[in-house]
Amino acid sequence: MAKHNKLGKEGELIAFMVLQRDGFTILETNWRFQKAEIDIIAKKDSFLIFIEVKTRGSKKFGKPSDTIDTKKIALYKDAVEGYLEQHPSEDEIRFDVVNIIIGKDETQIEHIPNAF
């Protein structure tokens, strides 16, 4: 596995554990629809939450979520529509991002509700 893929999987595992600790019920991980993937689908309170996990090894080039552009958001929203067709829900929909920086000395985690 390529180094960046390993880092991404490690970040997703950290996000999974932090979200569970914070009371989120994880419904799906790495859910695919056409060309898009939703890293984590969770429920909390009256929300169905679609979570993008972005991981980097340092802050050198800014926040990991800075790489989320309009094309990525459009793909993501298409995937959410696909998910909702297969799993109808009355819950309110929310899009979150979890930024993770896995540094040599520490790991930093930032959860951004309603990111886009």
C-alpha atoms as a PDB file:
ATOM      1  CA  MET A   1       0.000   0.000   0.000  1.00  0.00           C
ATOM      2  CA  ALA A   2       1.304   3.449  -0.903  1.00  0.00           C
ATOM      3  CA  LYS A   3       2.400   5.659   1.989  1.00  0.00           C
ATOM      4  CA  HIS A   4      -0.369   8.247   1.381  1.00  0.00           C
ATOM      5  CA  ASN A   5      -3.020   5.492   1.280  1.00  0.00           C
ATOM      6  CA  LYS A   6      -1.729   4.079   4.574  1.00  0.00           C
ATOM      7  CA  LEU A   7      -1.837   7.560   6.132  1.00  0.00           C
ATOM      8  CA  GLY A   8      -5.411   8.052   4.892  1.00  0.00           C
ATOM      9  CA  LYS A   9      -6.567   4.708   6.315  1.00  0.00           C
ATOM     10  CA  GLU A  10      -4.913   5.528   9.637  1.00  0.00           C
ATOM     11  CA  GLY A  11      -6.727   8.890   9.678  1.00  0.00           C
ATOM     12  CA  GLU A  12     -10.067   7.226   8.944  1.00  0.00           C
ATOM     13  CA  LEU A  13      -9.544   4.795  11.827  1.00  0.00           C
ATOM     14  CA  ILE A  14      -8.724   7.659  14.200  1.00  0.00           C
ATOM     15  CA  ALA A  15     -11.814   9.587  13.038  1.00  0.00           C
ATOM     16  CA  PHE A  16     -13.976   6.465  13.467  1.00  0.00           C
ATOM     17  CA  MET A  17     -12.796   6.011  17.070  1.00  0.00           C
ATOM     18  CA  VAL A  18     -13.159   9.713  17.964  1.00  0.00           C
ATOM     19  CA  LEU A  19     -16.666   9.915  16.491  1.00  0.00           C
ATOM     20  CA  GLN A  20     -17.757   6.790  18.381  1.00  0.00           C
ATOM     21  CA  ARG A  21     -16.302   8.216  21.582  1.00  0.00           C
ATOM     22  CA  ASP A  22     -18.259  11.424  20.965  1.00  0.00           C
ATOM     23  CA  GLY A  23     -21.577   9.578  20.697  1.00  0.00           C
ATOM     24  CA  PHE A  24     -21.939   9.105  16.937  1.00  0.00           C
ATOM     25  CA  THR A  25     -23.476   5.852  15.723  1.00  0.00           C
ATOM     26  CA  ILE A  26     -21.434   4.702  12.734  1.00  0.00           C
ATOM     27  CA  LEU A  27     -23.661   3.281   9.982  1.00  0.00           C
ATOM     28  CA  GLU A  28     -21.181   2.826   7.126  1.00  0.00           C
ATOM     29  CA  THR A  29     -17.520   3.298   6.307  1.00  0.00           C
ATOM     30  CA  ASN A  30     -16.012   3.740   2.855  1.00  0.00           C
ATOM     31  CA  TRP A  31     -19.425   3.701   1.171  1.00  0.00           C
ATOM     32  CA  ARG A  32     -19.030   3.905  -2.609  1.00  0.00           C
ATOM     33  CA  PHE A  33     -21.336   5.306  -5.268  1.00  0.00           C
ATOM     34  CA  GLN A  34     -20.071   5.551  -8.848  1.00  0.00           C
ATOM     35  CA  LYS A  35     -16.829   7.579  -8.673  1.00  0.00           C
ATOM     36  CA  ALA A  36     -17.349   8.888  -5.137  1.00  0.00           C
ATOM     37  CA  GLU A  37     -16.704   7.509  -1.696  1.00  0.00           C
ATOM     38  CA  ILE A  38     -18.142   8.665   1.592  1.00  0.00           C
ATOM     39  CA  ASP A  39     -15.616   7.935   4.317  1.00  0.00           C
ATOM     40  CA  ILE A  40     -18.065   7.672   7.222  1.00  0.00           C
ATOM     41  CA  ILE A  41     -21.852   7.798   7.456  1.00  0.00           C
ATOM     42  CA  ALA A  42     -23.118   8.295  11.000  1.00  0.00           C
ATOM     43  CA  LYS A  43     -26.126   9.305  13.062  1.00  0.00           C
ATOM     44  CA  LYS A  44     -26.252  11.578  16.045  1.00  0.00           C
ATOM     45  CA  ASP A  45     -29.325  13.159  17.551  1.00  0.00           C
ATOM     46  CA  SER A  46     -31.695  13.852  14.636  1.00  0.00           C
ATOM     47  CA  PHE A  47     -28.932  14.107  12.020  1.00  0.00           C
ATOM     48  CA  LEU A  48     -27.723  11.746   9.326  1.00  0.00           C
ATOM     49  CA  ILE A  49     -24.129  12.864   8.895  1.00  0.00           C
ATOM     50  CA  PHE A  50     -21.885  12.301   5.902  1.00  0.00           C
ATOM     51  CA  ILE A  51     -18.276  12.698   6.959  1.00  0.00           C
ATOM     52  CA  GLU A  52     -15.214  13.314   4.821  1.00  0.00           C
ATOM     53  CA  VAL A  53     -11.941  12.486   6.583  1.00  0.00           C
ATOM     54  CA  LYS A  54      -8.861  14.335   5.355  1.00  0.00           C
ATOM     55  CA  THR A  55      -5.458  13.328   6.668  1.00  0.00           C
ATOM     56  CA  ARG A  56      -1.961  14.736   6.247  1.00  0.00           C
ATOM     57  CA  GLY A  57       1.404  14.170   7.824  1.00  0.00           C
ATOM     58  CA  SER A  58       1.978  17.863   8.600  1.00  0.00           C
ATOM     59  CA  LYS A  59       0.442  21.354   8.425  1.00  0.00           C
ATOM     60  CA  LYS A  60       3.105  22.441   5.955  1.00  0.00           C
ATOM     61  CA  PHE A  61       0.599  22.919   3.119  1.00  0.00           C
ATOM     62  CA  GLY A  62      -2.396  24.048   5.181  1.00  0.00           C
ATOM     63  CA  LYS A  63      -5.394  22.186   6.553  1.00  0.00           C
ATOM     64  CA  PRO A  64      -6.185  18.826   4.991  1.00  0.00           C
ATOM     65  CA  SER A  65      -9.710  20.035   4.150  1.00  0.00           C
ATOM     66  CA  ASP A  66      -8.251  22.813   1.974  1.00  0.00           C
ATOM     67  CA  THR A  67      -8.071  20.170  -0.780  1.00  0.00           C
ATOM     68  CA  ILE A  68     -11.872  19.836  -0.940  1.00  0.00           C
ATOM     69  CA  ASP A  69     -12.931  21.689  -4.080  1.00  0.00           C
ATOM     70  CA  THR A  70     -16.283  22.245  -5.805  1.00  0.00           C
ATOM     71  CA  LYS A  71     -15.796  19.156  -7.993  1.00  0.00           C
ATOM     72  CA  LYS A  72     -15.244  16.975  -4.908  1.00  0.00           C
ATOM     73  CA  ILE A  73     -18.295  18.483  -3.197  1.00  0.00           C
ATOM     74  CA  ALA A  74     -20.462  17.800  -6.272  1.00  0.00           C
ATOM     75  CA  LEU A  75     -19.296  14.151  -6.411  1.00  0.00           C
ATOM     76  CA  TYR A  76     -19.911  13.845  -2.695  1.00  0.00           C
ATOM     77  CA  LYS A  77     -23.442  15.225  -2.933  1.00  0.00           C
ATOM     78  CA  ASP A  78     -24.198  12.813  -5.808  1.00  0.00           C
ATOM     79  CA  ALA A  79     -23.057   9.951  -3.574  1.00  0.00           C
ATOM     80  CA  VAL A  80     -25.288  11.198  -0.759  1.00  0.00           C
ATOM     81  CA  GLU A  81     -28.273  11.227  -3.135  1.00  0.00           C
ATOM     82  CA  GLY A  82     -27.402   7.647  -4.119  1.00  0.00           C
ATOM     83  CA  TYR A  83     -27.205   6.638  -0.475  1.00  0.00           C
ATOM     84  CA  LEU A  84     -30.562   8.243   0.325  1.00  0.00           C
ATOM     85  CA  GLU A  85     -32.209   6.464  -2.616  1.00  0.00           C
ATOM     86  CA  GLN A  86     -31.089   3.151  -1.119  1.00  0.00           C
ATOM     87  CA  HIS A  87     -31.579   4.160   2.538  1.00  0.00           C
ATOM     88  CA  PRO A  88     -34.421   6.710   2.816  1.00  0.00           C
ATOM     89  CA  SER A  89     -34.259   8.805   5.964  1.00  0.00           C
ATOM     90  CA  GLU A  90     -36.370  11.440   7.666  1.00  0.00           C
ATOM     91  CA  ASP A  91     -33.318  12.735   9.543  1.00  0.00           C
ATOM     92  CA  GLU A  92     -31.801  16.099   8.805  1.00  0.00           C
ATOM     93  CA  ILE A  93     -28.723  15.824   6.563  1.00  0.00           C
ATOM     94  CA  ARG A  94     -25.349  17.279   7.509  1.00  0.00           C
ATOM     95  CA  PHE A  95     -21.922  17.280   5.843  1.00  0.00           C
ATOM     96  CA  ASP A  96     -18.959  17.218   8.231  1.00  0.00           C
ATOM     97  CA  VAL A  97     -15.215  17.108   7.740  1.00  0.00           C
ATOM     98  CA  VAL A  98     -12.669  15.643  10.117  1.00  0.00           C
ATOM     99  CA  ASN A  99      -9.164  17.042   9.615  1.00  0.00           C
ATOM    100  CA  ILE A 100      -6.385  14.858  10.982  1.00  0.00           C
ATOM    101  CA  ILE A 101      -2.715  15.703  11.060  1.00  0.00           C
ATOM    102  CA  ILE A 102      -0.551  12.772  12.087  1.00  0.00           C
ATOM    103  CA  GLY A 103       2.744  14.380  13.003  1.00  0.00           C
ATOM    104  CA  LYS A 104       5.912  12.854  14.371  1.00  0.00           C
ATOM    105  CA  ASP A 105       5.219  14.088  17.908  1.00  0.00           C
ATOM    106  CA  GLU A 106       1.436  14.432  18.057  1.00  0.00           C
ATOM    107  CA  THR A 107      -1.835  13.845  16.245  1.00  0.00           C
ATOM    108  CA  GLN A 108      -4.223  16.775  15.811  1.00  0.00           C
ATOM    109  CA  ILE A 109      -7.929  16.237  15.183  1.00  0.00           C
ATOM    110  CA  GLU A 110     -10.411  18.906  14.097  1.00  0.00           C
ATOM    111  CA  HIS A 111     -14.094  18.028  13.569  1.00  0.00           C
ATOM    112  CA  ILE A 112     -15.933  20.583  11.450  1.00  0.00           C
ATOM    113  CA  PRO A 113     -19.744  20.182  11.543  1.00  0.00           C
ATOM    114  CA  ASN A 114     -21.681  21.591   8.559  1.00  0.00           C
ATOM    115  CA  ALA A 115     -18.467  21.980   6.586  1.00  0.00           C
ATOM    116  CA  PHE A 116     -20.214  22.360   3.219  1.00  0.00           C
END
